[in-house]
Amino acid sequence: MRGDIKPGQIYYTLCPDDPKRFRSIRLHFNPYTQSLRPEISNPVEGVPPPELEEISPVLLQRLMKVPQSNINY
């Protein structure tokens, strides 16, 4: 990734089981948890568009582990 991550920005990641396919990832800001949540598309066969940046697999994994809510039970 070249720069900072931003809400609403769209990135891509290559599918680990088939490098001819990729998924687009939109980062959505959740105001209730004050965190970014990835919205991940179904796999698409082809080459990612040049205007999309590849997201780091480590960063994507961290974003997916952010709690969904701050509710204490």
PDB file of N, CA and C in Angstrom:
ATOM      1  N   MET A   1       0.836  -1.177   0.000  1.00  0.00           N
ATOM      2  CA  MET A   1       0.000   0.000   0.000  1.00  0.00           C
ATOM      3  C   MET A   1       0.878   1.236   0.000  1.00  0.00           C
ATOM      4  N   ARG A   2       0.452   2.230  -0.728  1.00  0.00           N
ATOM      5  CA  ARG A   2       1.254   3.430  -0.872  1.00  0.00           C
ATOM      6  C   ARG A   2       1.015   4.461   0.215  1.00  0.00           C
ATOM      7  N   GLY A   3      -0.215   4.601   0.660  1.00  0.00           N
ATOM      8  CA  GLY A   3      -0.515   5.675   1.604  1.00  0.00           C
ATOM      9  C   GLY A   3      -1.351   5.193   2.768  1.00  0.00           C
ATOM     10  N   ASP A   4      -2.027   6.161   3.378  1.00  0.00           N
ATOM     11  CA  ASP A   4      -2.880   5.851   4.515  1.00  0.00           C
ATOM     12  C   ASP A   4      -4.187   5.215   4.032  1.00  0.00           C
ATOM     13  N   ILE A   5      -4.785   4.421   4.900  1.00  0.00           N
ATOM     14  CA  ILE A   5      -6.084   3.858   4.574  1.00  0.00           C
ATOM     15  C   ILE A   5      -7.154   4.891   4.892  1.00  0.00           C
ATOM     16  N   LYS A   6      -8.203   4.921   4.058  1.00  0.00           N
ATOM     17  CA  LYS A   6      -9.250   5.929   4.209  1.00  0.00           C
ATOM     18  C   LYS A   6     -10.613   5.271   4.105  1.00  0.00           C
ATOM     19  N   PRO A   7     -11.591   5.734   4.898  1.00  0.00           N
ATOM     20  CA  PRO A   7     -12.952   5.222   4.756  1.00  0.00           C
ATOM     21  C   PRO A   7     -13.475   5.502   3.352  1.00  0.00           C
ATOM     22  N   GLY A   8     -14.193   4.535   2.793  1.00  0.00           N
ATOM     23  CA  GLY A   8     -14.751   4.686   1.456  1.00  0.00           C
ATOM     24  C   GLY A   8     -13.793   4.296   0.346  1.00  0.00           C
ATOM     25  N   GLN A   9     -12.532   4.169   0.661  1.00  0.00           N
ATOM     26  CA  GLN A   9     -11.528   3.790  -0.335  1.00  0.00           C
ATOM     27  C   GLN A   9     -11.737   2.324  -0.721  1.00  0.00           C
ATOM     28  N   ILE A  10     -11.473   1.986  -1.978  1.00  0.00           N
ATOM     29  CA  ILE A  10     -11.616   0.607  -2.450  1.00  0.00           C
ATOM     30  C   ILE A  10     -10.234   0.061  -2.791  1.00  0.00           C
ATOM     31  N   TYR A  11      -9.960  -1.130  -2.279  1.00  0.00           N
ATOM     32  CA  TYR A  11      -8.694  -1.821  -2.496  1.00  0.00           C
ATOM     33  C   TYR A  11      -8.999  -3.179  -3.127  1.00  0.00           C
ATOM     34  N   TYR A  12      -7.961  -3.965  -3.369  1.00  0.00           N
ATOM     35  CA  TYR A  12      -8.177  -5.325  -3.856  1.00  0.00           C
ATOM     36  C   TYR A  12      -7.193  -6.262  -3.175  1.00  0.00           C
ATOM     37  N   THR A  13      -7.535  -7.542  -3.200  1.00  0.00           N
ATOM     38  CA  THR A  13      -6.639  -8.582  -2.731  1.00  0.00           C
ATOM     39  C   THR A  13      -6.773  -9.768  -3.672  1.00  0.00           C
ATOM     40  N   LEU A  14      -5.668 -10.409  -3.970  1.00  0.00           N
ATOM     41  CA  LEU A  14      -5.694 -11.588  -4.825  1.00  0.00           C
ATOM     42  C   LEU A  14      -6.159 -12.786  -4.014  1.00  0.00           C
ATOM     43  N   CYS A  15      -6.909 -13.671  -4.643  1.00  0.00           N
ATOM     44  CA  CYS A  15      -7.379 -14.877  -3.961  1.00  0.00           C
ATOM     45  C   CYS A  15      -6.199 -15.829  -3.783  1.00  0.00           C
ATOM     46  N   PRO A  16      -5.970 -16.324  -2.565  1.00  0.00           N
ATOM     47  CA  PRO A  16      -4.821 -17.193  -2.330  1.00  0.00           C
ATOM     48  C   PRO A  16      -4.912 -18.534  -3.054  1.00  0.00           C
ATOM     49  N   ASP A  17      -6.119 -19.016  -3.334  1.00  0.00           N
ATOM     50  CA  ASP A  17      -6.271 -20.308  -3.992  1.00  0.00           C
ATOM     51  C   ASP A  17      -6.275 -20.213  -5.516  1.00  0.00           C
ATOM     52  N   ASP A  18      -6.429 -18.995  -6.078  1.00  0.00           N
ATOM     53  CA  ASP A  18      -6.450 -18.813  -7.532  1.00  0.00           C
ATOM     54  C   ASP A  18      -5.959 -17.407  -7.865  1.00  0.00           C
ATOM     55  N   PRO A  19      -4.685 -17.250  -8.253  1.00  0.00           N
ATOM     56  CA  PRO A  19      -4.145 -15.909  -8.524  1.00  0.00           C
ATOM     57  C   PRO A  19      -4.775 -15.205  -9.730  1.00  0.00           C
ATOM     58  N   LYS A  20      -5.631 -15.896 -10.487  1.00  0.00           N
ATOM     59  CA  LYS A  20      -6.321 -15.265 -11.617  1.00  0.00           C
ATOM     60  C   LYS A  20      -7.597 -14.556 -11.155  1.00  0.00           C
ATOM     61  N   ARG A  21      -7.890 -14.630  -9.852  1.00  0.00           N
ATOM     62  CA  ARG A  21      -9.103 -14.014  -9.299  1.00  0.00           C
ATOM     63  C   ARG A  21      -8.725 -13.038  -8.191  1.00  0.00           C
ATOM     64  N   PHE A  22      -9.565 -12.038  -8.006  1.00  0.00           N
ATOM     65  CA  PHE A  22      -9.336 -11.059  -6.942  1.00  0.00           C
ATOM     66  C   PHE A  22     -10.666 -10.662  -6.330  1.00  0.00           C
ATOM     67  N   ARG A  23     -10.594 -10.040  -5.148  1.00  0.00           N
ATOM     68  CA  ARG A  23     -11.763  -9.505  -4.460  1.00  0.00           C
ATOM     69  C   ARG A  23     -11.541  -8.012  -4.255  1.00  0.00           C
ATOM     70  N   SER A  24     -12.593  -7.231  -4.395  1.00  0.00           N
ATOM     71  CA  SER A  24     -12.485  -5.812  -4.071  1.00  0.00           C
ATOM     72  C   SER A  24     -12.915  -5.635  -2.616  1.00  0.00           C
ATOM     73  N   ILE A  25     -12.289  -4.674  -1.950  1.00  0.00           N
ATOM     74  CA  ILE A  25     -12.526  -4.437  -0.537  1.00  0.00           C
ATOM     75  C   ILE A  25     -12.775  -2.952  -0.330  1.00  0.00           C
ATOM     76  N   ARG A  26     -13.953  -2.621   0.171  1.00  0.00           N
ATOM     77  CA  ARG A  26     -14.292  -1.232   0.496  1.00  0.00           C
ATOM     78  C   ARG A  26     -14.203  -1.083   1.999  1.00  0.00           C
ATOM     79  N   LEU A  27     -13.537  -0.039   2.446  1.00  0.00           N
ATOM     80  CA  LEU A  27     -13.416   0.210   3.877  1.00  0.00           C
ATOM     81  C   LEU A  27     -14.543   1.139   4.319  1.00  0.00           C
ATOM     82  N   HIS A  28     -15.370   0.632   5.224  1.00  0.00           N
ATOM     83  CA  HIS A  28     -16.535   1.349   5.725  1.00  0.00           C
ATOM     84  C   HIS A  28     -16.267   1.768   7.169  1.00  0.00           C
ATOM     85  N   PHE A  29     -16.519   3.046   7.482  1.00  0.00           N
ATOM     86  CA  PHE A  29     -16.356   3.518   8.849  1.00  0.00           C
ATOM     87  C   PHE A  29     -17.647   3.269   9.621  1.00  0.00           C
ATOM     88  N   ASN A  30     -17.550   2.524  10.717  1.00  0.00           N
ATOM     89  CA  ASN A  30     -18.699   2.251  11.567  1.00  0.00           C
ATOM     90  C   ASN A  30     -18.692   3.273  12.703  1.00  0.00           C
ATOM     91  N   PRO A  31     -19.650   4.205  12.711  1.00  0.00           N
ATOM     92  CA  PRO A  31     -19.643   5.252  13.738  1.00  0.00           C
ATOM     93  C   PRO A  31     -19.953   4.727  15.144  1.00  0.00           C
ATOM     94  N   TYR A  32     -20.614   3.594  15.240  1.00  0.00           N
ATOM     95  CA  TYR A  32     -20.972   3.049  16.554  1.00  0.00           C
ATOM     96  C   TYR A  32     -19.773   2.447  17.270  1.00  0.00           C
ATOM     97  N   THR A  33     -18.878   1.801  16.501  1.00  0.00           N
ATOM     98  CA  THR A  33     -17.689   1.194  17.108  1.00  0.00           C
ATOM     99  C   THR A  33     -16.448   2.048  16.892  1.00  0.00           C
ATOM    100  N   GLN A  34     -16.613   3.135  16.135  1.00  0.00           N
ATOM    101  CA  GLN A  34     -15.485   4.017  15.818  1.00  0.00           C
ATOM    102  C   GLN A  34     -14.341   3.230  15.159  1.00  0.00           C
ATOM    103  N   SER A  35     -14.685   2.344  14.220  1.00  0.00           N
ATOM    104  CA  SER A  35     -13.667   1.519  13.572  1.00  0.00           C
ATOM    105  C   SER A  35     -13.977   1.337  12.084  1.00  0.00           C
ATOM    106  N   LEU A  36     -12.961   0.970  11.335  1.00  0.00           N
ATOM    107  CA  LEU A  36     -13.118   0.653   9.921  1.00  0.00           C
ATOM    108  C   LEU A  36     -13.467  -0.822   9.783  1.00  0.00           C
ATOM    109  N   ARG A  37     -14.440  -1.113   8.925  1.00  0.00           N
ATOM    110  CA  ARG A  37     -14.841  -2.490   8.653  1.00  0.00           C
ATOM    111  C   ARG A  37     -14.679  -2.751   7.163  1.00  0.00           C
ATOM    112  N   PRO A  38     -14.056  -3.860   6.782  1.00  0.00           N
ATOM    113  CA  PRO A  38     -13.944  -4.180   5.364  1.00  0.00           C
ATOM    114  C   PRO A  38     -15.235  -4.790   4.828  1.00  0.00           C
ATOM    115  N   GLU A  39     -15.646  -4.349   3.659  1.00  0.00           N
ATOM    116  CA  GLU A  39     -16.759  -4.944   2.930  1.00  0.00           C
ATOM    117  C   GLU A  39     -16.135  -5.637   1.732  1.00  0.00           C
ATOM    118  N   ILE A  40     -16.198  -6.965   1.702  1.00  0.00           N
ATOM    119  CA  ILE A  40     -15.454  -7.768   0.739  1.00  0.00           C
ATOM    120  C   ILE A  40     -16.391  -8.345  -0.309  1.00  0.00           C
ATOM    121  N   SER A  41     -16.019  -8.210  -1.575  1.00  0.00           N
ATOM    122  CA  SER A  41     -16.844  -8.707  -2.676  1.00  0.00           C
ATOM    123  C   SER A  41     -16.610 -10.204  -2.894  1.00  0.00           C
ATOM    124  N   ASN A  42     -17.457 -10.781  -3.718  1.00  0.00           N
ATOM    125  CA  ASN A  42     -17.227 -12.146  -4.184  1.00  0.00           C
ATOM    126  C   ASN A  42     -16.020 -12.132  -5.128  1.00  0.00           C
ATOM    127  N   PRO A  43     -15.353 -13.280  -5.327  1.00  0.00           N
ATOM    128  CA  PRO A  43     -14.210 -13.309  -6.245  1.00  0.00           C
ATOM    129  C   PRO A  43     -14.616 -12.953  -7.678  1.00  0.00           C
ATOM    130  N   VAL A  44     -13.733 -12.228  -8.337  1.00  0.00           N
ATOM    131  CA  VAL A  44     -13.929 -11.835  -9.727  1.00  0.00           C
ATOM    132  C   VAL A  44     -12.723 -12.330 -10.511  1.00  0.00           C
ATOM    133  N   GLU A  45     -12.966 -12.971 -11.647  1.00  0.00           N
ATOM    134  CA  GLU A  45     -11.859 -13.440 -12.471  1.00  0.00           C
ATOM    135  C   GLU A  45     -11.375 -12.295 -13.342  1.00  0.00           C
ATOM    136  N   GLY A  46     -10.064 -12.109 -13.383  1.00  0.00           N
ATOM    137  CA  GLY A  46      -9.491 -11.051 -14.196  1.00  0.00           C
ATOM    138  C   GLY A  46      -8.341 -10.360 -13.491  1.00  0.00           C
ATOM    139  N   VAL A  47      -7.961  -9.231 -14.039  1.00  0.00           N
ATOM    140  CA  VAL A  47      -6.869  -8.427 -13.496  1.00  0.00           C
ATOM    141  C   VAL A  47      -7.471  -7.234 -12.767  1.00  0.00           C
ATOM    142  N   PRO A  48      -7.003  -6.940 -11.550  1.00  0.00           N
ATOM    143  CA  PRO A  48      -7.542  -5.773 -10.834  1.00  0.00           C
ATOM    144  C   PRO A  48      -7.308  -4.485 -11.622  1.00  0.00           C
ATOM    145  N   PRO A  49      -8.256  -3.557 -11.598  1.00  0.00           N
ATOM    146  CA  PRO A  49      -8.077  -2.283 -12.297  1.00  0.00           C
ATOM    147  C   PRO A  49      -6.850  -1.539 -11.757  1.00  0.00           C
ATOM    148  N   PRO A  50      -6.147  -0.817 -12.614  1.00  0.00           N
ATOM    149  CA  PRO A  50      -4.923  -0.130 -12.188  1.00  0.00           C
ATOM    150  C   PRO A  50      -5.147   0.961 -11.144  1.00  0.00           C
ATOM    151  N   GLU A  51      -6.361   1.501 -11.043  1.00  0.00           N
ATOM    152  CA  GLU A  51      -6.603   2.563 -10.060  1.00  0.00           C
ATOM    153  C   GLU A  51      -6.782   2.029  -8.638  1.00  0.00           C
ATOM    154  N   LEU A  52      -6.913   0.724  -8.462  1.00  0.00           N
ATOM    155  CA  LEU A  52      -7.049   0.136  -7.127  1.00  0.00           C
ATOM    156  C   LEU A  52      -5.683  -0.239  -6.573  1.00  0.00           C
ATOM    157  N   GLU A  53      -5.512  -0.002  -5.273  1.00  0.00           N
ATOM    158  CA  GLU A  53      -4.295  -0.417  -4.568  1.00  0.00           C
ATOM    159  C   GLU A  53      -4.523  -1.789  -3.963  1.00  0.00           C
ATOM    160  N   GLU A  54      -3.464  -2.562  -3.867  1.00  0.00           N
ATOM    161  CA  GLU A  54      -3.561  -3.848  -3.176  1.00  0.00           C
ATOM    162  C   GLU A  54      -3.460  -3.592  -1.677  1.00  0.00           C
ATOM    163  N   ILE A  55      -4.338  -4.217  -0.901  1.00  0.00           N
ATOM    164  CA  ILE A  55      -4.298  -4.078   0.547  1.00  0.00           C
ATOM    165  C   ILE A  55      -3.422  -5.187   1.111  1.00  0.00           C
ATOM    166  N   SER A  56      -2.674  -4.875   2.116  1.00  0.00           N
ATOM    167  CA  SER A  56      -1.812  -5.851   2.767  1.00  0.00           C
ATOM    168  C   SER A  56      -2.667  -6.940   3.415  1.00  0.00           C
ATOM    169  N   PRO A  57      -2.329  -8.217   3.225  1.00  0.00           N
ATOM    170  CA  PRO A  57      -3.089  -9.285   3.885  1.00  0.00           C
ATOM    171  C   PRO A  57      -3.071  -9.163   5.407  1.00  0.00           C
ATOM    172  N   VAL A  58      -1.973  -8.676   5.964  1.00  0.00           N
ATOM    173  CA  VAL A  58      -1.867  -8.500   7.412  1.00  0.00           C
ATOM    174  C   VAL A  58      -2.831  -7.398   7.868  1.00  0.00           C
ATOM    175  N   LEU A  59      -2.881  -6.284   7.141  1.00  0.00           N
ATOM    176  CA  LEU A  59      -3.797  -5.198   7.483  1.00  0.00           C
ATOM    177  C   LEU A  59      -5.242  -5.660   7.360  1.00  0.00           C
ATOM    178  N   LEU A  60      -5.558  -6.384   6.300  1.00  0.00           N
ATOM    179  CA  LEU A  60      -6.914  -6.885   6.115  1.00  0.00           C
ATOM    180  C   LEU A  60      -7.311  -7.802   7.263  1.00  0.00           C
ATOM    181  N   GLN A  61      -6.413  -8.658   7.679  1.00  0.00           N
ATOM    182  CA  GLN A  61      -6.690  -9.560   8.795  1.00  0.00           C
ATOM    183  C   GLN A  61      -6.950  -8.771  10.082  1.00  0.00           C
ATOM    184  N   ARG A  62      -6.167  -7.730  10.316  1.00  0.00           N
ATOM    185  CA  ARG A  62      -6.365  -6.889  11.510  1.00  0.00           C
ATOM    186  C   ARG A  62      -7.711  -6.169  11.463  1.00  0.00           C
ATOM    187  N   LEU A  63      -8.086  -5.665  10.290  1.00  0.00           N
ATOM    188  CA  LEU A  63      -9.371  -4.978  10.157  1.00  0.00           C
ATOM    189  C   LEU A  63     -10.537  -5.928  10.401  1.00  0.00           C
ATOM    190  N   MET A  64     -10.378  -7.178  10.009  1.00  0.00           N
ATOM    191  CA  MET A  64     -11.448  -8.155  10.191  1.00  0.00           C
ATOM    192  C   MET A  64     -11.584  -8.595  11.643  1.00  0.00           C
ATOM    193  N   LYS A  65     -10.558  -8.390  12.454  1.00  0.00           N
ATOM    194  CA  LYS A  65     -10.603  -8.788  13.860  1.00  0.00           C
ATOM    195  C   LYS A  65     -11.122  -7.699  14.784  1.00  0.00           C
ATOM    196  N   VAL A  66     -11.375  -6.511  14.287  1.00  0.00           N
ATOM    197  CA  VAL A  66     -11.884  -5.420  15.109  1.00  0.00           C
ATOM    198  C   VAL A  66     -13.266  -5.813  15.611  1.00  0.00           C
ATOM    199  N   PRO A  67     -13.563  -5.593  16.889  1.00  0.00           N
ATOM    200  CA  PRO A  67     -14.878  -5.972  17.424  1.00  0.00           C
ATOM    201  C   PRO A  67     -16.024  -5.310  16.657  1.00  0.00           C
ATOM    202  N   GLN A  68     -17.123  -6.031  16.523  1.00  0.00           N
ATOM    203  CA  GLN A  68     -18.291  -5.532  15.811  1.00  0.00           C
ATOM    204  C   GLN A  68     -19.046  -4.485  16.619  1.00  0.00           C
ATOM    205  N   SER A  69     -18.943  -4.543  17.932  1.00  0.00           N
ATOM    206  CA  SER A  69     -19.677  -3.569  18.748  1.00  0.00           C
ATOM    207  C   SER A  69     -18.954  -3.372  20.085  1.00  0.00           C
ATOM    208  N   ASN A  70     -19.352  -2.337  20.778  1.00  0.00           N
ATOM    209  CA  ASN A  70     -18.787  -2.037  22.096  1.00  0.00           C
ATOM    210  C   ASN A  70     -19.773  -2.368  23.208  1.00  0.00           C
ATOM    211  N   ILE A  71     -20.753  -3.191  22.921  1.00  0.00           N
ATOM    212  CA  ILE A  71     -21.781  -3.519  23.909  1.00  0.00           C
ATOM    213  C   ILE A  71     -21.194  -4.482  24.944  1.00  0.00           C
ATOM    214  N   ASN A  72     -21.373  -4.161  26.208  1.00  0.00           N
ATOM    215  CA  ASN A  72     -20.932  -5.042  27.293  1.00  0.00           C
ATOM    216  C   ASN A  72     -22.144  -5.789  27.835  1.00  0.00           C
ATOM    217  N   TYR A  73     -22.033  -7.083  27.900  1.00  0.00           N
ATOM    218  CA  TYR A  73     -23.144  -7.911  28.391  1.00  0.00           C
ATOM    219  C   TYR A  73     -22.934  -8.272  29.830  1.00  0.00           C
TER     220      TYR A  73
END
